[in-house]
N, C-alpha and C. Protein backbone atom coordinates (compact mmCIF):
# COMPACT_ATOMS: atom_id res chain seq x y z
N MET A 1 46.75 -183.01 45.34
CA MET A 1 45.89 -182.33 46.13
C MET A 1 46.63 -181.98 47.49
N GLY A 2 46.51 -180.63 47.95
CA GLY A 2 47.06 -180.16 49.25
C GLY A 2 47.89 -178.82 49.14
N ARG A 3 48.54 -178.61 50.20
CA ARG A 3 49.35 -177.35 50.06
C ARG A 3 50.59 -177.56 49.25
N PRO A 4 50.97 -176.61 48.45
CA PRO A 4 52.11 -176.87 47.60
C PRO A 4 53.49 -176.59 48.37
N VAL A 5 53.79 -177.69 49.16
CA VAL A 5 55.11 -177.76 49.85
C VAL A 5 55.91 -178.64 48.95
N LYS A 6 57.30 -178.44 49.03
CA LYS A 6 58.22 -179.16 48.12
C LYS A 6 58.09 -180.71 48.28
N ARG A 7 57.85 -181.19 49.52
CA ARG A 7 57.79 -182.59 49.79
C ARG A 7 56.73 -183.35 48.99
N LYS A 8 55.70 -182.47 48.67
CA LYS A 8 54.53 -183.17 47.91
C LYS A 8 54.88 -183.37 46.47
N GLY A 9 55.91 -182.76 45.93
CA GLY A 9 56.45 -183.12 44.63
C GLY A 9 55.58 -182.68 43.59
N PHE A 10 54.77 -181.65 43.63
CA PHE A 10 53.96 -181.11 42.55
C PHE A 10 54.90 -180.69 41.41
N SER A 11 55.69 -179.67 41.60
CA SER A 11 56.49 -179.20 40.44
C SER A 11 57.36 -180.27 39.82
N TRP A 12 57.96 -181.16 40.74
CA TRP A 12 58.73 -182.38 40.36
C TRP A 12 57.93 -183.20 39.35
N PHE A 13 56.71 -183.55 39.65
CA PHE A 13 55.88 -184.34 38.90
C PHE A 13 55.61 -183.58 37.51
N ILE A 14 55.23 -182.32 37.45
CA ILE A 14 55.00 -181.51 36.32
C ILE A 14 56.29 -181.53 35.35
N VAL A 15 57.44 -181.47 35.83
CA VAL A 15 58.65 -181.29 35.09
C VAL A 15 59.07 -182.56 34.72
N HIS A 16 59.02 -183.62 35.42
CA HIS A 16 59.70 -184.94 35.14
C HIS A 16 58.79 -186.06 34.58
N VAL A 17 57.49 -186.00 34.90
CA VAL A 17 56.54 -187.02 34.53
C VAL A 17 55.55 -186.72 33.50
N VAL A 18 54.95 -185.46 33.54
CA VAL A 18 53.87 -184.98 32.60
C VAL A 18 54.41 -185.12 31.25
N PRO A 19 55.66 -184.53 30.88
CA PRO A 19 55.97 -184.87 29.46
C PRO A 19 56.24 -186.17 28.95
N ARG A 20 56.27 -187.16 29.88
CA ARG A 20 56.62 -188.54 29.49
C ARG A 20 55.36 -189.30 29.25
N LEU A 21 54.01 -188.68 29.74
CA LEU A 21 52.62 -189.26 29.51
C LEU A 21 52.40 -189.44 28.03
N LYS A 22 52.02 -190.61 27.62
CA LYS A 22 51.79 -190.78 26.25
C LYS A 22 50.29 -190.54 25.87
N VAL A 23 49.43 -190.82 26.80
CA VAL A 23 47.97 -190.53 26.74
C VAL A 23 47.75 -188.97 26.85
N ASP A 24 46.73 -188.46 26.15
CA ASP A 24 46.36 -187.16 26.10
C ASP A 24 45.59 -187.04 27.54
N SER A 25 46.31 -186.21 28.47
CA SER A 25 45.63 -186.19 29.82
C SER A 25 45.73 -184.82 30.35
N VAL A 26 45.00 -184.47 31.44
CA VAL A 26 45.28 -183.20 32.17
C VAL A 26 45.45 -183.48 33.54
N LEU A 27 46.42 -182.85 34.13
CA LEU A 27 46.70 -182.89 35.48
C LEU A 27 46.01 -181.77 36.36
N LEU A 28 45.19 -182.02 37.17
CA LEU A 28 44.41 -181.04 37.98
C LEU A 28 44.98 -181.07 39.46
N LEU A 29 45.44 -179.85 39.87
CA LEU A 29 45.86 -179.57 41.15
C LEU A 29 44.87 -178.85 41.97
N ILE A 30 44.65 -179.36 43.23
CA ILE A 30 43.60 -178.74 44.13
C ILE A 30 44.16 -178.48 45.39
N GLY A 31 43.83 -177.20 45.84
CA GLY A 31 44.35 -176.83 47.23
C GLY A 31 44.68 -175.29 47.21
N PRO A 32 45.02 -174.72 48.36
CA PRO A 32 45.41 -173.34 48.45
C PRO A 32 46.45 -172.89 47.46
N PHE A 33 46.38 -171.85 46.78
CA PHE A 33 47.30 -171.35 45.87
C PHE A 33 47.10 -169.87 45.48
N ASN A 34 48.34 -169.27 45.82
CA ASN A 34 48.43 -167.80 45.39
C ASN A 34 48.84 -167.63 44.06
N ARG A 35 48.04 -167.21 43.07
CA ARG A 35 48.32 -166.92 41.73
C ARG A 35 49.26 -165.69 41.56
N LYS A 36 49.43 -164.77 42.43
CA LYS A 36 50.32 -163.63 42.52
C LYS A 36 51.29 -163.83 43.58
N THR A 37 52.46 -163.40 43.52
CA THR A 37 53.34 -163.37 44.59
C THR A 37 53.00 -162.65 45.76
N PRO A 38 52.81 -163.33 46.80
CA PRO A 38 52.31 -162.62 48.19
C PRO A 38 53.60 -161.80 48.77
N VAL A 39 53.15 -160.93 49.53
CA VAL A 39 54.25 -160.15 50.17
C VAL A 39 55.18 -161.07 51.01
N SER A 40 54.58 -161.98 51.70
CA SER A 40 55.32 -162.86 52.62
C SER A 40 56.54 -163.70 51.74
N GLU A 41 56.16 -163.97 50.67
CA GLU A 41 57.14 -164.56 49.70
C GLU A 41 58.42 -163.68 49.32
N ARG A 42 58.00 -162.62 49.21
CA ARG A 42 58.97 -161.38 48.87
C ARG A 42 60.02 -161.23 49.88
N LEU A 43 59.34 -161.25 51.24
CA LEU A 43 60.11 -161.06 52.52
C LEU A 43 61.08 -162.21 52.60
N LEU A 44 60.59 -163.44 52.37
CA LEU A 44 61.36 -164.75 52.67
C LEU A 44 62.42 -164.84 51.56
N ASN A 45 62.28 -164.14 50.35
CA ASN A 45 63.37 -164.07 49.26
C ASN A 45 64.53 -163.32 49.77
N LEU A 46 64.29 -162.27 50.62
CA LEU A 46 65.53 -161.51 51.18
C LEU A 46 66.37 -162.23 52.11
N LEU A 47 65.99 -163.34 52.70
CA LEU A 47 66.80 -164.12 53.57
C LEU A 47 67.75 -164.96 52.95
N PRO A 48 68.89 -165.21 53.43
CA PRO A 48 69.75 -166.33 52.92
C PRO A 48 69.08 -167.60 52.70
N GLN A 49 69.45 -168.30 51.65
CA GLN A 49 68.67 -169.48 51.18
C GLN A 49 68.63 -170.41 52.33
N SER A 50 69.75 -170.80 53.02
CA SER A 50 69.93 -171.77 54.18
C SER A 50 68.80 -171.46 55.28
N PHE A 51 68.65 -170.17 55.59
CA PHE A 51 67.80 -169.73 56.59
C PHE A 51 66.39 -169.71 56.22
N GLN A 52 66.24 -169.39 54.88
CA GLN A 52 64.91 -169.41 54.16
C GLN A 52 64.24 -170.69 54.19
N ASN A 53 64.99 -171.71 53.88
CA ASN A 53 64.59 -173.14 53.90
C ASN A 53 64.01 -173.55 55.33
N LYS A 54 64.79 -173.16 56.42
CA LYS A 54 64.45 -173.43 57.83
C LYS A 54 63.09 -172.77 58.27
N VAL A 55 63.01 -171.50 57.77
CA VAL A 55 61.73 -170.77 58.10
C VAL A 55 60.53 -171.33 57.50
N GLU A 56 60.72 -171.71 56.22
CA GLU A 56 59.71 -172.49 55.35
C GLU A 56 59.32 -173.65 56.14
N LEU A 57 60.04 -174.45 56.49
CA LEU A 57 59.95 -175.72 57.11
C LEU A 57 59.00 -175.45 58.52
N PHE A 58 59.72 -174.45 59.25
CA PHE A 58 59.00 -174.26 60.53
C PHE A 58 57.68 -173.78 60.36
N LEU A 59 57.33 -172.87 59.34
CA LEU A 59 55.97 -172.25 59.31
C LEU A 59 55.11 -173.11 58.49
N GLY A 60 55.60 -174.18 57.91
CA GLY A 60 54.81 -174.99 56.78
C GLY A 60 54.39 -174.16 55.68
N TYR A 61 55.43 -173.29 55.26
CA TYR A 61 55.18 -172.43 54.11
C TYR A 61 55.03 -173.11 52.82
N PRO A 62 54.20 -172.61 51.93
CA PRO A 62 53.95 -173.44 50.44
C PRO A 62 55.24 -173.01 49.68
N SER A 63 56.31 -173.96 49.98
CA SER A 63 57.63 -173.68 49.31
C SER A 63 57.70 -173.93 47.95
N ASP A 64 56.70 -174.73 47.29
CA ASP A 64 56.61 -175.06 45.95
C ASP A 64 55.95 -174.11 45.01
N GLU A 65 55.16 -173.09 45.71
CA GLU A 65 54.20 -172.32 45.07
C GLU A 65 54.82 -171.39 43.88
N LYS A 66 56.03 -170.89 44.25
CA LYS A 66 56.83 -170.08 43.15
C LYS A 66 57.07 -170.88 42.01
N SER A 67 57.60 -172.16 42.14
CA SER A 67 57.95 -172.84 41.03
C SER A 67 56.59 -173.34 40.21
N LEU A 68 55.52 -173.62 40.90
CA LEU A 68 54.35 -173.84 40.18
C LEU A 68 53.88 -172.66 39.41
N ARG A 69 53.90 -171.52 39.91
CA ARG A 69 53.49 -170.25 39.19
C ARG A 69 54.27 -170.24 37.81
N LYS A 70 55.57 -170.43 37.89
CA LYS A 70 56.35 -170.47 36.69
C LYS A 70 56.00 -171.46 35.65
N LEU A 71 55.84 -172.69 36.22
CA LEU A 71 55.44 -173.77 35.31
C LEU A 71 54.14 -173.66 34.72
N LEU A 72 53.23 -173.10 35.50
CA LEU A 72 51.85 -172.89 34.90
C LEU A 72 51.66 -171.92 33.61
N LEU A 73 52.79 -171.11 33.64
CA LEU A 73 52.91 -170.09 32.60
C LEU A 73 53.55 -170.52 31.38
N GLN A 74 54.18 -171.79 31.53
CA GLN A 74 54.96 -172.14 30.34
C GLN A 74 53.92 -172.90 29.20
N ARG A 75 54.41 -172.63 28.00
CA ARG A 75 53.45 -173.17 26.91
C ARG A 75 53.33 -174.60 26.89
N GLU A 76 54.58 -175.20 27.21
CA GLU A 76 54.63 -176.66 27.17
C GLU A 76 53.44 -177.36 28.04
N PHE A 77 53.04 -176.67 29.14
CA PHE A 77 52.08 -177.30 30.10
C PHE A 77 50.66 -176.71 29.92
N ALA A 78 50.49 -175.74 28.89
CA ALA A 78 49.26 -175.15 28.72
C ALA A 78 48.18 -176.25 28.38
N GLY A 79 47.10 -176.26 29.05
CA GLY A 79 46.10 -177.22 28.89
C GLY A 79 46.30 -178.59 29.31
N LYS A 80 47.58 -178.83 29.85
CA LYS A 80 48.01 -180.21 30.42
C LYS A 80 48.00 -180.00 31.92
N VAL A 81 48.10 -178.87 32.54
CA VAL A 81 48.19 -178.78 34.09
C VAL A 81 47.39 -177.51 34.36
N ILE A 82 46.46 -177.90 35.16
CA ILE A 82 45.53 -176.80 35.58
C ILE A 82 45.36 -176.73 37.20
N HIS A 83 45.49 -175.58 37.76
CA HIS A 83 45.43 -175.47 39.16
C HIS A 83 43.92 -174.85 39.52
N LEU A 84 43.17 -175.61 40.31
CA LEU A 84 41.68 -175.21 40.51
C LEU A 84 41.54 -174.52 41.79
N GLY A 85 42.88 -174.32 42.58
CA GLY A 85 42.67 -173.65 43.98
C GLY A 85 41.89 -174.43 44.84
N ARG A 86 41.30 -173.72 45.90
CA ARG A 86 40.54 -174.38 46.87
C ARG A 86 39.13 -174.73 46.25
N MET A 87 38.75 -175.82 46.84
CA MET A 87 37.27 -176.38 46.31
C MET A 87 36.66 -176.94 47.53
N PRO A 88 35.18 -176.76 47.47
CA PRO A 88 34.43 -177.56 48.51
C PRO A 88 34.59 -179.02 48.45
N PHE A 89 34.54 -179.63 49.64
CA PHE A 89 34.96 -181.09 49.64
C PHE A 89 33.96 -181.90 48.78
N ASN A 90 32.55 -181.63 48.66
CA ASN A 90 31.69 -182.30 47.82
C ASN A 90 32.06 -182.30 46.38
N GLU A 91 32.66 -181.15 45.96
CA GLU A 91 33.16 -181.07 44.56
C GLU A 91 34.42 -181.74 44.36
N ILE A 92 35.31 -181.93 45.40
CA ILE A 92 36.34 -182.56 45.24
C ILE A 92 36.12 -184.04 45.05
N VAL A 93 35.11 -184.57 45.87
CA VAL A 93 34.67 -185.99 45.73
C VAL A 93 34.20 -186.20 44.40
N ASP A 94 33.46 -185.31 43.80
CA ASP A 94 32.91 -185.47 42.48
C ASP A 94 33.97 -185.76 41.45
N LEU A 95 35.08 -184.79 41.47
CA LEU A 95 36.23 -184.79 40.71
C LEU A 95 37.06 -186.25 40.87
N LEU A 96 37.23 -186.43 42.10
CA LEU A 96 37.86 -187.75 42.42
C LEU A 96 37.20 -189.09 41.73
N SER A 97 35.77 -189.02 41.73
CA SER A 97 35.03 -190.04 41.19
C SER A 97 35.14 -190.35 39.78
N MET A 98 35.56 -189.24 39.07
CA MET A 98 35.49 -189.08 37.63
C MET A 98 37.10 -189.24 37.02
N ALA A 99 38.10 -188.98 38.03
CA ALA A 99 39.34 -189.10 37.58
C ALA A 99 39.86 -190.43 37.17
N ASP A 100 40.76 -190.45 36.40
CA ASP A 100 41.38 -191.77 35.98
C ASP A 100 42.35 -192.29 36.92
N ALA A 101 43.06 -191.40 37.63
CA ALA A 101 44.01 -191.70 38.72
C ALA A 101 44.17 -190.45 39.68
N PHE A 102 44.72 -190.78 40.73
CA PHE A 102 45.08 -189.87 41.75
C PHE A 102 46.55 -190.10 42.23
N VAL A 103 47.40 -189.14 41.86
CA VAL A 103 48.86 -189.09 42.22
C VAL A 103 49.27 -188.37 43.42
N VAL A 104 50.20 -189.13 44.10
CA VAL A 104 50.64 -188.48 45.42
C VAL A 104 52.18 -188.54 45.19
N PRO A 105 52.78 -187.81 44.42
CA PRO A 105 54.32 -188.02 44.04
C PRO A 105 55.35 -187.46 45.03
N ASN A 106 55.16 -187.55 46.18
CA ASN A 106 56.04 -187.02 47.20
C ASN A 106 57.47 -187.50 46.99
N ILE A 107 58.35 -186.43 47.30
CA ILE A 107 59.74 -186.52 47.24
C ILE A 107 60.46 -186.30 48.42
N SER A 108 61.70 -186.79 48.75
CA SER A 108 62.43 -186.66 49.78
C SER A 108 63.01 -185.11 50.04
N VAL A 109 62.63 -184.59 51.17
CA VAL A 109 63.09 -183.19 51.40
C VAL A 109 63.70 -183.32 52.81
N ALA A 110 64.96 -182.81 52.88
CA ALA A 110 65.63 -182.84 54.21
C ALA A 110 64.77 -182.06 55.25
N GLY A 111 64.65 -182.63 56.49
CA GLY A 111 63.84 -182.04 57.52
C GLY A 111 62.52 -181.99 57.46
N ASP A 112 61.84 -182.63 56.38
CA ASP A 112 60.42 -182.48 56.18
C ASP A 112 59.93 -183.98 55.84
N MET A 113 58.70 -184.39 56.18
CA MET A 113 58.23 -185.56 55.84
C MET A 113 56.65 -185.55 55.86
N GLU A 114 56.03 -186.48 55.17
CA GLU A 114 54.58 -186.59 55.09
C GLU A 114 54.05 -187.52 56.36
N GLY A 115 53.04 -187.07 56.78
CA GLY A 115 52.33 -188.01 57.79
C GLY A 115 51.49 -189.10 57.26
N PHE A 116 50.56 -189.45 57.96
CA PHE A 116 49.63 -190.49 57.36
C PHE A 116 48.85 -189.89 56.22
N GLY A 117 48.83 -190.80 55.25
CA GLY A 117 48.17 -190.43 53.83
C GLY A 117 46.62 -190.43 53.70
N LEU A 118 46.17 -189.58 54.59
CA LEU A 118 44.61 -189.73 54.58
C LEU A 118 43.92 -189.38 53.24
N VAL A 119 44.60 -188.40 52.66
CA VAL A 119 44.01 -187.98 51.37
C VAL A 119 44.06 -189.09 50.33
N CYS A 120 44.92 -190.08 50.44
CA CYS A 120 44.92 -191.27 49.71
C CYS A 120 43.65 -192.07 49.92
N LEU A 121 43.20 -192.28 51.12
CA LEU A 121 42.10 -193.01 51.59
C LEU A 121 40.88 -192.38 51.03
N GLU A 122 40.88 -190.94 51.08
CA GLU A 122 39.69 -190.30 50.59
C GLU A 122 39.57 -190.65 49.04
N ALA A 123 40.64 -190.68 48.32
CA ALA A 123 40.66 -190.99 46.90
C ALA A 123 40.12 -192.42 46.55
N CYS A 124 40.67 -193.31 47.33
CA CYS A 124 40.25 -194.64 47.20
C CYS A 124 38.67 -194.84 47.54
N LEU A 125 38.27 -194.32 48.43
CA LEU A 125 36.81 -194.41 48.80
C LEU A 125 35.84 -193.65 47.72
N SER A 126 36.58 -192.86 46.86
CA SER A 126 35.82 -192.00 45.85
C SER A 126 35.83 -192.91 44.64
N GLY A 127 36.56 -193.98 44.66
CA GLY A 127 36.58 -194.92 43.38
C GLY A 127 37.77 -194.55 42.41
N THR A 128 38.76 -193.89 42.95
CA THR A 128 40.05 -193.49 42.06
C THR A 128 41.09 -194.32 42.39
N MET A 129 41.86 -194.66 41.31
CA MET A 129 43.09 -195.71 41.54
C MET A 129 44.18 -194.58 42.07
N VAL A 130 44.79 -194.98 43.07
CA VAL A 130 45.78 -194.21 43.74
C VAL A 130 47.32 -194.73 43.38
N PHE A 131 48.06 -193.80 42.98
CA PHE A 131 49.59 -193.99 42.78
C PHE A 131 50.28 -193.10 43.79
N ALA A 132 50.95 -193.62 44.67
CA ALA A 132 51.60 -192.81 45.63
C ALA A 132 53.16 -193.24 45.84
N SER A 133 53.98 -192.14 46.20
CA SER A 133 55.32 -192.59 46.57
C SER A 133 55.55 -193.44 47.78
N ASN A 134 56.36 -194.30 47.73
CA ASN A 134 56.74 -195.14 48.74
C ASN A 134 57.73 -194.66 49.75
N ILE A 135 57.04 -193.62 50.54
CA ILE A 135 57.96 -192.73 51.38
C ILE A 135 57.14 -192.17 52.55
N ASP A 136 57.76 -191.94 53.65
CA ASP A 136 57.43 -191.42 54.73
C ASP A 136 56.00 -192.18 55.29
N GLY A 137 55.00 -191.40 55.47
CA GLY A 137 53.75 -192.10 56.11
C GLY A 137 52.79 -192.66 55.15
N LEU A 138 53.05 -192.51 53.83
CA LEU A 138 52.11 -192.88 52.65
C LEU A 138 51.88 -194.55 52.66
N PRO A 139 52.96 -195.26 52.82
CA PRO A 139 52.85 -196.77 52.94
C PRO A 139 51.90 -197.03 54.07
N ASP A 140 51.65 -196.33 55.13
CA ASP A 140 50.69 -196.53 56.10
C ASP A 140 49.33 -196.58 55.62
N ALA A 141 49.00 -195.93 54.60
CA ALA A 141 47.66 -195.80 54.11
C ALA A 141 47.45 -196.65 52.82
N ILE A 142 48.59 -196.70 51.93
CA ILE A 142 48.38 -197.42 50.68
C ILE A 142 49.22 -198.70 50.92
N GLN A 143 48.65 -199.81 50.63
CA GLN A 143 49.12 -201.17 50.52
C GLN A 143 49.49 -201.47 49.03
N ASP A 144 50.55 -201.73 48.56
CA ASP A 144 50.85 -202.01 47.16
C ASP A 144 50.00 -203.05 46.59
N GLY A 145 49.17 -202.81 45.68
CA GLY A 145 48.38 -203.85 44.96
C GLY A 145 47.09 -204.15 45.75
N LYS A 146 46.91 -203.56 46.92
CA LYS A 146 45.73 -203.85 47.71
C LYS A 146 44.67 -202.67 47.53
N ASN A 147 45.05 -201.40 47.63
CA ASN A 147 44.26 -200.27 47.59
C ASN A 147 44.93 -199.14 46.84
N GLY A 148 45.99 -199.61 45.97
CA GLY A 148 46.72 -198.55 45.15
C GLY A 148 48.11 -198.98 44.81
N PHE A 149 48.87 -198.31 44.30
CA PHE A 149 50.17 -198.62 43.98
C PHE A 149 51.22 -197.71 44.50
N LEU A 150 52.29 -198.33 45.12
CA LEU A 150 53.41 -197.57 45.55
C LEU A 150 54.59 -197.52 44.53
N LEU A 151 55.11 -196.43 44.47
CA LEU A 151 56.07 -196.18 43.44
C LEU A 151 57.40 -195.42 44.17
N PRO A 152 58.74 -195.72 43.53
CA PRO A 152 59.82 -195.06 44.17
C PRO A 152 59.83 -193.61 44.03
N ALA A 153 59.99 -192.91 45.09
CA ALA A 153 60.03 -191.38 45.13
C ALA A 153 61.14 -190.90 44.16
N GLY A 154 60.67 -189.90 43.41
CA GLY A 154 61.67 -189.33 42.49
C GLY A 154 62.21 -190.08 41.30
N ASP A 155 61.50 -191.18 41.06
CA ASP A 155 61.91 -192.05 39.85
C ASP A 155 60.90 -191.79 38.76
N ALA A 156 61.18 -190.76 37.90
CA ALA A 156 60.36 -190.43 36.95
C ALA A 156 59.99 -191.47 35.88
N ALA A 157 61.10 -192.41 35.56
CA ALA A 157 60.81 -193.55 34.68
C ALA A 157 59.82 -194.52 35.20
N ALA A 158 59.79 -194.79 36.52
CA ALA A 158 58.80 -195.80 37.04
C ALA A 158 57.55 -195.20 37.17
N TRP A 159 57.49 -193.97 37.53
CA TRP A 159 56.13 -193.17 37.59
C TRP A 159 55.53 -193.18 36.18
N SER A 160 56.23 -192.67 35.27
CA SER A 160 55.64 -192.56 33.81
C SER A 160 55.27 -193.82 33.21
N ALA A 161 56.03 -195.08 33.54
CA ALA A 161 55.62 -196.26 33.00
C ALA A 161 54.34 -196.78 33.70
N ALA A 162 54.33 -196.57 34.95
CA ALA A 162 52.95 -197.12 35.68
C ALA A 162 51.66 -196.43 35.25
N LEU A 163 52.00 -195.01 35.10
CA LEU A 163 50.70 -194.27 34.61
C LEU A 163 50.42 -194.52 33.10
N ASN A 164 51.44 -194.66 32.34
CA ASN A 164 51.11 -194.91 30.87
C ASN A 164 50.33 -196.19 30.78
N LYS A 165 50.71 -197.18 31.59
CA LYS A 165 50.10 -198.51 31.45
C LYS A 165 48.79 -198.37 31.96
N HIS A 166 48.58 -197.71 32.97
CA HIS A 166 47.29 -197.58 33.70
C HIS A 166 46.27 -196.84 32.59
N LEU A 167 46.72 -195.66 32.15
CA LEU A 167 46.01 -194.79 31.26
C LEU A 167 45.72 -195.44 29.81
N GLU A 168 46.75 -196.30 29.28
CA GLU A 168 46.57 -196.83 28.04
C GLU A 168 45.59 -198.06 28.12
N PHE A 169 45.82 -198.87 29.11
CA PHE A 169 45.24 -200.15 29.31
C PHE A 169 44.56 -200.28 30.68
N PRO A 170 43.57 -199.54 30.83
CA PRO A 170 42.90 -199.35 32.30
C PRO A 170 42.31 -200.85 32.59
N GLY A 171 41.90 -201.61 31.86
CA GLY A 171 41.43 -202.90 32.21
C GLY A 171 42.55 -204.01 32.47
N ALA A 172 43.70 -203.58 32.07
CA ALA A 172 44.86 -204.75 32.48
C ALA A 172 45.41 -204.31 33.86
N THR A 173 45.08 -203.47 34.60
CA THR A 173 45.51 -203.11 35.86
C THR A 173 45.19 -204.34 36.84
N ARG A 174 46.14 -204.83 37.60
CA ARG A 174 45.92 -206.01 38.36
C ARG A 174 45.04 -205.71 39.57
N LEU A 175 44.54 -204.49 39.82
CA LEU A 175 43.71 -204.15 40.87
C LEU A 175 42.46 -203.13 40.39
N THR A 176 41.37 -203.64 40.74
CA THR A 176 40.21 -202.90 40.17
C THR A 176 39.81 -201.83 41.34
N LYS A 177 39.03 -200.75 40.92
CA LYS A 177 38.56 -199.81 41.74
C LYS A 177 37.71 -200.25 42.92
N GLU A 178 36.88 -201.31 42.61
CA GLU A 178 36.07 -201.92 43.61
C GLU A 178 36.90 -202.61 44.62
N GLU A 179 37.91 -203.37 44.26
CA GLU A 179 38.84 -204.14 45.25
C GLU A 179 39.41 -203.10 46.12
N SER A 180 40.03 -201.96 45.47
CA SER A 180 40.64 -201.06 46.25
C SER A 180 39.81 -200.40 47.39
N LYS A 181 38.52 -199.99 46.91
CA LYS A 181 37.59 -199.42 47.83
C LYS A 181 37.23 -200.37 48.92
N ALA A 182 36.98 -201.60 48.61
CA ALA A 182 36.64 -202.73 49.57
C ALA A 182 37.62 -202.89 50.64
N TYR A 183 38.97 -202.99 50.25
CA TYR A 183 40.14 -203.16 51.15
C TYR A 183 40.33 -202.02 52.07
N THR A 184 40.03 -200.70 51.55
CA THR A 184 40.29 -199.56 52.32
C THR A 184 39.11 -199.43 53.26
N LEU A 185 37.85 -199.91 52.78
CA LEU A 185 36.73 -199.86 53.83
C LEU A 185 36.97 -200.95 55.06
N ASP A 186 37.42 -202.07 54.61
CA ASP A 186 37.70 -203.11 55.65
C ASP A 186 38.85 -202.73 56.60
N ARG A 187 39.93 -202.12 56.02
CA ARG A 187 41.13 -201.82 56.88
C ARG A 187 41.06 -200.53 57.73
N PHE A 188 40.38 -199.64 57.18
CA PHE A 188 40.35 -198.17 57.69
C PHE A 188 38.83 -197.71 58.02
N SER A 189 37.84 -198.64 58.24
CA SER A 189 36.55 -198.09 58.60
C SER A 189 36.76 -197.44 60.07
N TRP A 190 35.69 -196.61 60.33
CA TRP A 190 35.62 -195.92 61.60
C TRP A 190 35.47 -196.97 62.73
N SER A 191 34.81 -198.06 62.75
CA SER A 191 34.60 -199.03 63.69
C SER A 191 36.06 -199.77 64.01
N LYS A 192 36.69 -200.09 62.87
CA LYS A 192 37.94 -200.75 63.00
C LYS A 192 38.94 -199.86 63.61
N MET A 193 39.08 -198.60 63.25
CA MET A 193 40.11 -197.78 63.72
C MET A 193 39.77 -197.31 65.19
N VAL A 194 38.58 -197.27 65.53
CA VAL A 194 38.10 -196.91 66.91
C VAL A 194 38.60 -198.12 67.81
N GLU A 195 38.48 -199.27 67.28
CA GLU A 195 38.67 -200.54 68.11
C GLU A 195 40.25 -200.63 68.29
N GLU A 196 41.07 -200.29 67.22
CA GLU A 196 42.40 -200.41 67.37
C GLU A 196 42.99 -199.29 68.32
N TYR A 197 42.38 -198.14 68.19
CA TYR A 197 42.79 -196.98 69.22
C TYR A 197 42.46 -197.45 70.56
N TRP A 198 41.24 -198.09 70.88
CA TRP A 198 40.87 -198.68 72.11
C TRP A 198 41.84 -199.68 72.81
N GLN A 199 42.23 -200.60 71.94
CA GLN A 199 43.18 -201.50 72.25
C GLN A 199 44.50 -201.03 72.67
N HIS A 200 44.94 -199.99 71.77
CA HIS A 200 46.31 -199.41 71.95
C HIS A 200 46.36 -198.57 73.32
N PHE A 201 45.14 -197.87 73.56
CA PHE A 201 45.27 -197.04 74.74
C PHE A 201 45.03 -197.77 76.02
N ASN A 202 44.23 -199.06 75.90
CA ASN A 202 44.11 -199.88 76.80
C ASN A 202 45.28 -200.52 77.41
N LYS A 203 46.17 -200.89 76.30
CA LYS A 203 47.46 -201.53 76.51
C LYS A 203 48.41 -200.49 77.36
N LEU A 204 48.28 -199.12 76.87
CA LEU A 204 49.15 -198.25 77.53
C LEU A 204 48.70 -198.05 79.00
N THR A 205 47.51 -198.15 79.14
CA THR A 205 46.81 -198.08 80.62
C THR A 205 47.40 -199.16 81.61
N MET A 206 47.28 -200.31 80.96
CA MET A 206 47.84 -201.54 81.66
C MET A 206 49.38 -201.31 82.07
N LEU A 207 50.05 -200.87 81.22
CA LEU A 207 51.52 -200.80 81.38
C LEU A 207 51.77 -199.72 82.28
N SER A 208 50.97 -198.62 82.43
CA SER A 208 51.14 -197.62 83.50
C SER A 208 50.82 -198.00 84.84
N LYS A 209 50.03 -199.16 85.12
CA LYS A 209 49.70 -199.53 86.32
C LYS A 209 50.82 -200.11 87.15
N PRO A 210 51.04 -199.77 88.37
CA PRO A 210 52.18 -200.32 89.17
C PRO A 210 51.88 -201.76 89.35
N ASP A 211 53.06 -202.56 89.38
CA ASP A 211 53.06 -203.99 89.69
C ASP A 211 52.59 -204.31 91.09
N GLN A 212 51.39 -204.88 91.29
CA GLN A 212 50.95 -205.06 92.62
C GLN A 212 51.82 -206.05 93.33
N SER A 213 52.51 -206.79 92.59
CA SER A 213 53.27 -207.84 93.35
C SER A 213 54.54 -207.34 94.09
N THR A 214 54.81 -206.14 93.78
CA THR A 214 56.02 -205.54 94.45
C THR A 214 55.59 -204.71 95.70
N ASN A 215 54.37 -204.64 95.92
CA ASN A 215 53.79 -203.76 97.13
C ASN A 215 54.50 -204.28 98.30
N GLY A 216 55.01 -203.39 99.24
CA GLY A 216 55.43 -203.69 100.52
C GLY A 216 56.83 -204.11 100.38
N LEU A 217 57.38 -204.20 99.27
CA LEU A 217 59.00 -204.62 99.14
C LEU A 217 59.94 -203.41 99.31
């Protein structure tokens, strides 16, 4: 779920992990998506590749969209990968509550990185088991074995093994959806986060005050 930028690993996951899944499953993609090539992409393609990459990063451009369009047209992925485009939040929550897993397969991209994995917490609170790359800000939201599972970024074998185990033997997972939701609520509730923000800002305020013992020296 999210903007199709390369660091999110959407096309990487489709190419390297989806064909390895043993259980009959469907990967649903949610977020803004241009099904036809926009004028902006055609203009970017006129630029030298090195400069094009810099412009995409600066603008936050959906750099993985072109690859996704091609993949969605391939017969190999027909019926296995579906892009739903933008959706109302209440419908997203409904889908998450019914999903067998929520994947955040981010990969390493030079000059780009993921911030705090808020979308992971939304999935946890919807009762979905989260599988996320152990990279950038995702480990700040997901604690391995506590409210989801962290997997090595770009390791197709590790991703397919973890998902196959979860999909084939859901009851064998060492973490239940109830435990994941409870941990997330306890660690990231509004009251707890507000309290931690208050403590942090208060500490900064104390540090910014001049030392009274040095007055007059």
